[in-house]
PDB file of all heavy atoms in Angstrom:
ATOM      1  N   GLU A   1       0.802  -1.235  -0.013  1.00  0.00           N
ATOM      2  CA  GLU A   1       0.082  -0.016   0.017  1.00  0.00           C
ATOM      3  C   GLU A   1       0.929   1.261  -0.004  1.00  0.00           C
ATOM      4  O   GLU A   1       1.902   1.268   0.702  1.00  0.00           O
ATOM      5  CB  GLU A   1      -0.885   0.030   1.185  1.00  0.00           C
ATOM      6  CG  GLU A   1      -1.895   1.125   1.205  1.00  0.00           C
ATOM      7  CD  GLU A   1      -2.838   0.908   2.477  1.00  0.00           C
ATOM      8  OE1 GLU A   1      -2.383   0.965   3.621  1.00  0.00           O
ATOM      9  OE2 GLU A   1      -3.981   0.713   2.372  1.00  0.00           O
ATOM     10  N   THR A   2       0.461   2.266  -0.844  1.00  0.00           N
ATOM     11  CA  THR A   2       1.116   3.481  -0.888  1.00  0.00           C
ATOM     12  C   THR A   2       0.090   4.562  -0.225  1.00  0.00           C
ATOM     13  O   THR A   2      -1.109   4.589  -0.669  1.00  0.00           O
ATOM     14  CB  THR A   2       1.386   3.901  -2.294  1.00  0.00           C
ATOM     15  OG1 THR A   2       2.449   3.024  -2.711  1.00  0.00           O
ATOM     16  CG2 THR A   2       2.096   5.294  -2.223  1.00  0.00           C
ATOM     17  N   VAL A   3       0.487   5.341   0.645  1.00  0.00           N
ATOM     18  CA  VAL A   3      -0.430   6.260   1.316  1.00  0.00           C
ATOM     19  C   VAL A   3       0.038   7.731   0.979  1.00  0.00           C
ATOM     20  O   VAL A   3       1.241   8.127   1.217  1.00  0.00           O
ATOM     21  CB  VAL A   3      -0.485   6.150   2.900  1.00  0.00           C
ATOM     22  CG1 VAL A   3      -1.455   7.066   3.508  1.00  0.00           C
ATOM     23  CG2 VAL A   3      -1.027   4.695   3.175  1.00  0.00           C
ATOM     24  N   LEU A   4      -0.888   8.542   0.612  1.00  0.00           N
ATOM     25  CA  LEU A   4      -0.549   9.960   0.406  1.00  0.00           C
ATOM     26  C   LEU A   4      -1.415  10.858   1.281  1.00  0.00           C
ATOM     27  O   LEU A   4      -2.639  10.750   1.226  1.00  0.00           O
ATOM     28  CB  LEU A   4      -0.925  10.343  -1.047  1.00  0.00           C
ATOM     29  CG  LEU A   4      -0.084   9.553  -2.289  1.00  0.00           C
ATOM     30  CD1 LEU A   4      -0.659  10.086  -3.676  1.00  0.00           C
ATOM     31  CD2 LEU A   4       1.297   9.819  -2.095  1.00  0.00           C
ATOM     32  N   SER A   5      -0.752  11.569   2.227  1.00  0.00           N
ATOM     33  CA  SER A   5      -1.442  12.483   3.067  1.00  0.00           C
ATOM     34  C   SER A   5      -1.904  13.685   2.355  1.00  0.00           C
ATOM     35  O   SER A   5      -1.537  13.988   1.265  1.00  0.00           O
ATOM     36  CB  SER A   5      -0.565  12.785   4.250  1.00  0.00           C
ATOM     37  OG  SER A   5       0.526  13.594   3.813  1.00  0.00           O
ATOM     38  N   ASN A   6      -2.762  14.456   3.018  1.00  0.00           N
ATOM     39  CA  ASN A   6      -3.345  15.708   2.489  1.00  0.00           C
ATOM     40  C   ASN A   6      -2.219  16.713   2.209  1.00  0.00           C
ATOM     41  O   ASN A   6      -2.224  17.320   1.185  1.00  0.00           O
ATOM     42  CB  ASN A   6      -4.466  16.221   3.323  1.00  0.00           C
ATOM     43  CG  ASN A   6      -5.028  17.544   2.689  1.00  0.00           C
ATOM     44  OD1 ASN A   6      -4.738  18.555   3.023  1.00  0.00           O
ATOM     45  ND2 ASN A   6      -6.077  17.327   1.813  1.00  0.00           N
ATOM     46  N   ASP A   7      -1.242  16.757   3.124  1.00  0.00           N
ATOM     47  CA  ASP A   7      -0.094  17.643   2.901  1.00  0.00           C
ATOM     48  C   ASP A   7       0.673  17.418   1.560  1.00  0.00           C
ATOM     49  O   ASP A   7       1.104  18.235   0.994  1.00  0.00           O
ATOM     50  CB  ASP A   7       0.788  17.611   4.106  1.00  0.00           C
ATOM     51  CG  ASP A   7       0.102  18.120   5.318  1.00  0.00           C
ATOM     52  OD1 ASP A   7      -0.806  18.878   5.239  1.00  0.00           O
ATOM     53  OD2 ASP A   7       0.645  17.775   6.473  1.00  0.00           O
ATOM     54  N   VAL A   8       0.857  16.039   1.371  1.00  0.00           N
ATOM     55  CA  VAL A   8       1.551  15.578   0.184  1.00  0.00           C
ATOM     56  C   VAL A   8       0.718  15.955  -1.106  1.00  0.00           C
ATOM     57  O   VAL A   8       1.211  16.548  -2.061  1.00  0.00           O
ATOM     58  CB  VAL A   8       1.822  14.191   0.297  1.00  0.00           C
ATOM     59  CG1 VAL A   8       2.475  13.596  -1.200  1.00  0.00           C
ATOM     60  CG2 VAL A   8       2.791  13.815   1.367  1.00  0.00           C
ATOM     61  N   ILE A   9      -0.536  15.757  -1.018  1.00  0.00           N
ATOM     62  CA  ILE A   9      -1.388  15.995  -2.168  1.00  0.00           C
ATOM     63  C   ILE A   9      -1.403  17.452  -2.509  1.00  0.00           C
ATOM     64  O   ILE A   9      -1.372  17.795  -3.669  1.00  0.00           O
ATOM     65  CB  ILE A   9      -2.830  15.432  -1.987  1.00  0.00           C
ATOM     66  CG1 ILE A   9      -2.886  13.973  -1.672  1.00  0.00           C
ATOM     67  CG2 ILE A   9      -3.857  15.869  -2.970  1.00  0.00           C
ATOM     68  CD1 ILE A   9      -4.173  13.385  -1.182  1.00  0.00           C
ATOM     69  N   GLU A  10      -1.474  18.292  -1.531  1.00  0.00           N
ATOM     70  CA  GLU A  10      -1.459  19.774  -1.757  1.00  0.00           C
ATOM     71  C   GLU A  10      -0.157  20.305  -2.386  1.00  0.00           C
ATOM     72  O   GLU A  10      -0.122  21.262  -3.085  1.00  0.00           O
ATOM     73  CB  GLU A  10      -1.752  20.470  -0.569  1.00  0.00           C
ATOM     74  CG  GLU A  10      -3.231  20.350  -0.045  1.00  0.00           C
ATOM     75  CD  GLU A  10      -3.476  21.143   1.301  1.00  0.00           C
ATOM     76  OE1 GLU A  10      -2.597  21.578   1.971  1.00  0.00           O
ATOM     77  OE2 GLU A  10      -4.743  21.279   1.542  1.00  0.00           O
ATOM     78  N   SER A  11       0.910  19.522  -1.959  1.00  0.00           N
ATOM     79  CA  SER A  11       2.276  20.052  -2.507  1.00  0.00           C
ATOM     80  C   SER A  11       2.645  19.539  -3.865  1.00  0.00           C
ATOM     81  O   SER A  11       3.567  20.021  -4.452  1.00  0.00           O
ATOM     82  CB  SER A  11       3.336  19.672  -1.478  1.00  0.00           C
ATOM     83  OG  SER A  11       3.499  18.244  -1.352  1.00  0.00           O
ATOM     84  N   LEU A  12       1.930  18.516  -4.344  1.00  0.00           N
ATOM     85  CA  LEU A  12       2.288  17.961  -5.609  1.00  0.00           C
ATOM     86  C   LEU A  12       1.867  18.906  -6.675  1.00  0.00           C
ATOM     87  O   LEU A  12       0.813  19.428  -6.784  1.00  0.00           O
ATOM     88  CB  LEU A  12       1.474  16.575  -5.871  1.00  0.00           C
ATOM     89  CG  LEU A  12       1.929  15.434  -5.011  1.00  0.00           C
ATOM     90  CD1 LEU A  12       0.860  14.242  -5.153  1.00  0.00           C
ATOM     91  CD2 LEU A  12       3.347  14.992  -5.246  1.00  0.00           C
ATOM     92  N   PRO A  13       2.772  19.085  -7.758  1.00  0.00           N
ATOM     93  CA  PRO A  13       2.497  19.931  -8.798  1.00  0.00           C
ATOM     94  C   PRO A  13       1.782  19.313 -10.002  1.00  0.00           C
ATOM     95  O   PRO A  13       2.163  19.092 -11.103  1.00  0.00           O
ATOM     96  CB  PRO A  13       3.939  20.369  -9.257  1.00  0.00           C
ATOM     97  CG  PRO A  13       4.779  19.136  -9.026  1.00  0.00           C
ATOM     98  CD  PRO A  13       4.161  18.539  -7.794  1.00  0.00           C
ATOM     99  N   VAL A  14       0.529  18.785  -9.580  1.00  0.00           N
ATOM    100  CA  VAL A  14      -0.384  18.033 -10.536  1.00  0.00           C
ATOM    101  C   VAL A  14      -1.747  18.665 -10.491  1.00  0.00           C
ATOM    102  O   VAL A  14      -2.037  19.410  -9.551  1.00  0.00           O
ATOM    103  CB  VAL A  14      -0.372  16.588 -10.273  1.00  0.00           C
ATOM    104  CG1 VAL A  14       0.974  15.915 -10.462  1.00  0.00           C
ATOM    105  CG2 VAL A  14      -0.927  16.215  -8.883  1.00  0.00           C
ATOM    106  N   THR A  15      -2.640  18.271 -11.407  1.00  0.00           N
ATOM    107  CA  THR A  15      -4.062  18.689 -11.478  1.00  0.00           C
ATOM    108  C   THR A  15      -4.660  18.117 -10.253  1.00  0.00           C
ATOM    109  O   THR A  15      -4.332  17.092  -9.689  1.00  0.00           O
ATOM    110  CB  THR A  15      -4.778  18.316 -12.727  1.00  0.00           C
ATOM    111  OG1 THR A  15      -4.604  16.865 -12.861  1.00  0.00           O
ATOM    112  CG2 THR A  15      -3.999  18.950 -13.893  1.00  0.00           C
ATOM    113  N   ARG A  16      -5.715  18.745  -9.853  1.00  0.00           N
ATOM    114  CA  ARG A  16      -6.518  18.207  -8.629  1.00  0.00           C
ATOM    115  C   ARG A  16      -7.563  17.217  -9.047  1.00  0.00           C
ATOM    116  O   ARG A  16      -8.744  17.316  -8.912  1.00  0.00           O
ATOM    117  CB  ARG A  16      -7.203  19.380  -7.969  1.00  0.00           C
ATOM    118  CG  ARG A  16      -6.249  20.332  -7.231  1.00  0.00           C
ATOM    119  CD  ARG A  16      -6.864  21.665  -7.074  1.00  0.00           C
ATOM    120  NE  ARG A  16      -8.007  21.770  -6.333  1.00  0.00           N
ATOM    121  CZ  ARG A  16      -8.216  21.920  -5.070  1.00  0.00           C
ATOM    122  NH1 ARG A  16      -7.192  22.005  -4.276  1.00  0.00           N
ATOM    123  NH2 ARG A  16      -9.332  22.020  -4.512  1.00  0.00           N
ATOM    124  N   SER A  17      -7.010  16.057  -9.744  1.00  0.00           N
ATOM    125  CA  SER A  17      -7.948  14.969 -10.145  1.00  0.00           C
ATOM    126  C   SER A  17      -7.127  13.681  -9.717  1.00  0.00           C
ATOM    127  O   SER A  17      -5.909  13.662  -9.511  1.00  0.00           O
ATOM    128  CB  SER A  17      -8.018  15.086 -11.735  1.00  0.00           C
ATOM    129  OG  SER A  17      -6.796  14.792 -12.325  1.00  0.00           O
ATOM    130  N   TYR A  18      -7.877  12.614  -9.695  1.00  0.00           N
ATOM    131  CA  TYR A  18      -7.408  11.279  -9.170  1.00  0.00           C
ATOM    132  C   TYR A  18      -6.344  10.822 -10.309  1.00  0.00           C
ATOM    133  O   TYR A  18      -5.399  10.160  -9.913  1.00  0.00           O
ATOM    134  CB  TYR A  18      -8.393  10.310  -8.934  1.00  0.00           C
ATOM    135  CG  TYR A  18      -9.006   9.598 -10.104  1.00  0.00           C
ATOM    136  CD1 TYR A  18      -8.615   8.375 -10.530  1.00  0.00           C
ATOM    137  CD2 TYR A  18     -10.009  10.270 -10.859  1.00  0.00           C
ATOM    138  CE1 TYR A  18      -9.188   7.811 -11.553  1.00  0.00           C
ATOM    139  CE2 TYR A  18     -10.707   9.630 -11.938  1.00  0.00           C
ATOM    140  CZ  TYR A  18     -10.214   8.297 -12.305  1.00  0.00           C
ATOM    141  OH  TYR A  18     -10.670   7.658 -13.371  1.00  0.00           O
ATOM    142  N   THR A  19      -6.550  11.173 -11.565  1.00  0.00           N
ATOM    143  CA  THR A  19      -5.578  10.731 -12.531  1.00  0.00           C
ATOM    144  C   THR A  19      -4.275  11.375 -12.343  1.00  0.00           C
ATOM    145  O   THR A  19      -3.243  10.774 -12.601  1.00  0.00           O
ATOM    146  CB  THR A  19      -6.192  10.932 -13.927  1.00  0.00           C
ATOM    147  OG1 THR A  19      -6.661  12.233 -14.023  1.00  0.00           O
ATOM    148  CG2 THR A  19      -7.333  10.003 -14.222  1.00  0.00           C
ATOM    149  N   GLY A  20      -4.324  12.629 -11.964  1.00  0.00           N
ATOM    150  CA  GLY A  20      -3.025  13.357 -11.715  1.00  0.00           C
ATOM    151  C   GLY A  20      -2.332  12.801 -10.513  1.00  0.00           C
ATOM    152  O   GLY A  20      -1.114  12.681 -10.568  1.00  0.00           O
ATOM    153  N   ILE A  21      -3.058  12.390  -9.482  1.00  0.00           N
ATOM    154  CA  ILE A  21      -2.362  11.747  -8.258  1.00  0.00           C
ATOM    155  C   ILE A  21      -1.827  10.394  -8.679  1.00  0.00           C
ATOM    156  O   ILE A  21      -0.730  10.060  -8.251  1.00  0.00           O
ATOM    157  CB  ILE A  21      -3.423  11.470  -7.277  1.00  0.00           C
ATOM    158  CG1 ILE A  21      -4.083  12.840  -6.719  1.00  0.00           C
ATOM    159  CG2 ILE A  21      -2.868  10.704  -6.064  1.00  0.00           C
ATOM    160  CD1 ILE A  21      -3.049  13.916  -6.087  1.00  0.00           C
ATOM    161  N   MET A  22      -2.377   9.704  -9.522  1.00  0.00           N
ATOM    162  CA  MET A  22      -1.907   8.305  -9.920  1.00  0.00           C
ATOM    163  C   MET A  22      -0.505   8.442 -10.492  1.00  0.00           C
ATOM    164  O   MET A  22       0.205   7.479 -10.377  1.00  0.00           O
ATOM    165  CB  MET A  22      -2.890   7.524 -10.826  1.00  0.00           C
ATOM    166  CG  MET A  22      -4.064   7.124 -10.188  1.00  0.00           C
ATOM    167  SD  MET A  22      -5.188   6.308 -11.498  1.00  0.00           S
ATOM    168  CE  MET A  22      -6.635   6.040 -10.423  1.00  0.00           C
ATOM    169  N   THR A  23      -0.212   9.451 -11.204  1.00  0.00           N
ATOM    170  CA  THR A  23       1.109   9.535 -11.953  1.00  0.00           C
ATOM    171  C   THR A  23       2.206   9.638 -10.931  1.00  0.00           C
ATOM    172  O   THR A  23       3.377   9.453 -11.421  1.00  0.00           O
ATOM    173  CB  THR A  23       1.075  10.691 -12.913  1.00  0.00           C
ATOM    174  OG1 THR A  23       0.884  11.857 -12.061  1.00  0.00           O
ATOM    175  CG2 THR A  23       0.039  10.647 -13.969  1.00  0.00           C
ATOM    176  N   ASN A  24       1.970   9.862  -9.728  1.00  0.00           N
ATOM    177  CA  ASN A  24       2.979   9.962  -8.615  1.00  0.00           C
ATOM    178  C   ASN A  24       3.186   8.652  -7.788  1.00  0.00           C
ATOM    179  O   ASN A  24       3.895   8.668  -6.849  1.00  0.00           O
ATOM    180  CB  ASN A  24       2.714  11.081  -7.715  1.00  0.00           C
ATOM    181  CG  ASN A  24       2.759  12.368  -8.391  1.00  0.00           C
ATOM    182  OD1 ASN A  24       3.811  12.983  -8.480  1.00  0.00           O
ATOM    183  ND2 ASN A  24       1.582  12.913  -8.880  1.00  0.00           N
ATOM    184  N   ILE A  25       2.447   7.650  -8.284  1.00  0.00           N
ATOM    185  CA  ILE A  25       2.510   6.291  -7.519  1.00  0.00           C
ATOM    186  C   ILE A  25       3.169   5.305  -8.374  1.00  0.00           C
ATOM    187  O   ILE A  25       2.759   5.004  -9.510  1.00  0.00           O
ATOM    188  CB  ILE A  25       1.146   5.941  -7.153  1.00  0.00           C
ATOM    189  CG1 ILE A  25       0.535   6.859  -6.224  1.00  0.00           C
ATOM    190  CG2 ILE A  25       1.105   4.597  -6.342  1.00  0.00           C
ATOM    191  CD1 ILE A  25      -0.899   6.661  -5.880  1.00  0.00           C
ATOM    192  N   ALA A  26       4.252   4.745  -7.888  1.00  0.00           N
ATOM    193  CA  ALA A  26       5.080   3.776  -8.659  1.00  0.00           C
ATOM    194  C   ALA A  26       4.126   2.465  -9.004  1.00  0.00           C
ATOM    195  O   ALA A  26       3.293   2.041  -8.121  1.00  0.00           O
ATOM    196  CB  ALA A  26       6.314   3.243  -7.861  1.00  0.00           C
ATOM    197  N   SER A  27       4.327   2.045 -10.219  1.00  0.00           N
ATOM    198  CA  SER A  27       3.632   0.791 -10.636  1.00  0.00           C
ATOM    199  C   SER A  27       2.184   1.015 -11.116  1.00  0.00           C
ATOM    200  O   SER A  27       1.501   0.268 -11.862  1.00  0.00           O
ATOM    201  CB  SER A  27       3.659  -0.349  -9.690  1.00  0.00           C
ATOM    202  OG  SER A  27       2.616  -0.222  -8.834  1.00  0.00           O
ATOM    203  N   LEU A  28       1.634   2.316 -10.813  1.00  0.00           N
ATOM    204  CA  LEU A  28       0.224   2.618 -11.202  1.00  0.00           C
ATOM    205  C   LEU A  28       0.148   3.465 -12.495  1.00  0.00           C
ATOM    206  O   LEU A  28       0.994   4.349 -12.635  1.00  0.00           O
ATOM    207  CB  LEU A  28      -0.345   3.339 -10.076  1.00  0.00           C
ATOM    208  CG  LEU A  28      -1.948   3.194  -9.908  1.00  0.00           C
ATOM    209  CD1 LEU A  28      -2.261   1.708  -9.574  1.00  0.00           C
ATOM    210  CD2 LEU A  28      -2.459   4.021  -8.731  1.00  0.00           C
ATOM    211  N   MET A  29      -0.721   3.126 -13.401  1.00  0.00           N
ATOM    212  CA  MET A  29      -0.793   3.768 -14.641  1.00  0.00           C
ATOM    213  C   MET A  29      -2.095   4.082 -15.088  1.00  0.00           C
ATOM    214  O   MET A  29      -2.930   3.124 -15.277  1.00  0.00           O
ATOM    215  CB  MET A  29      -0.162   2.905 -15.665  1.00  0.00           C
ATOM    216  CG  MET A  29      -0.223   3.447 -17.199  1.00  0.00           C
ATOM    217  SD  MET A  29       0.619   4.928 -17.288  1.00  0.00           S
ATOM    218  CE  MET A  29       2.320   4.450 -17.186  1.00  0.00           C
TER     219      MET A  29
END
């Protein structure tokens, strides 16, 4: 399991969508 906290999500330079979050998780496409 990979866990992303709210602080990490807010700091990521990606769109605020679940597909944008997925690009930062290893092995997930």
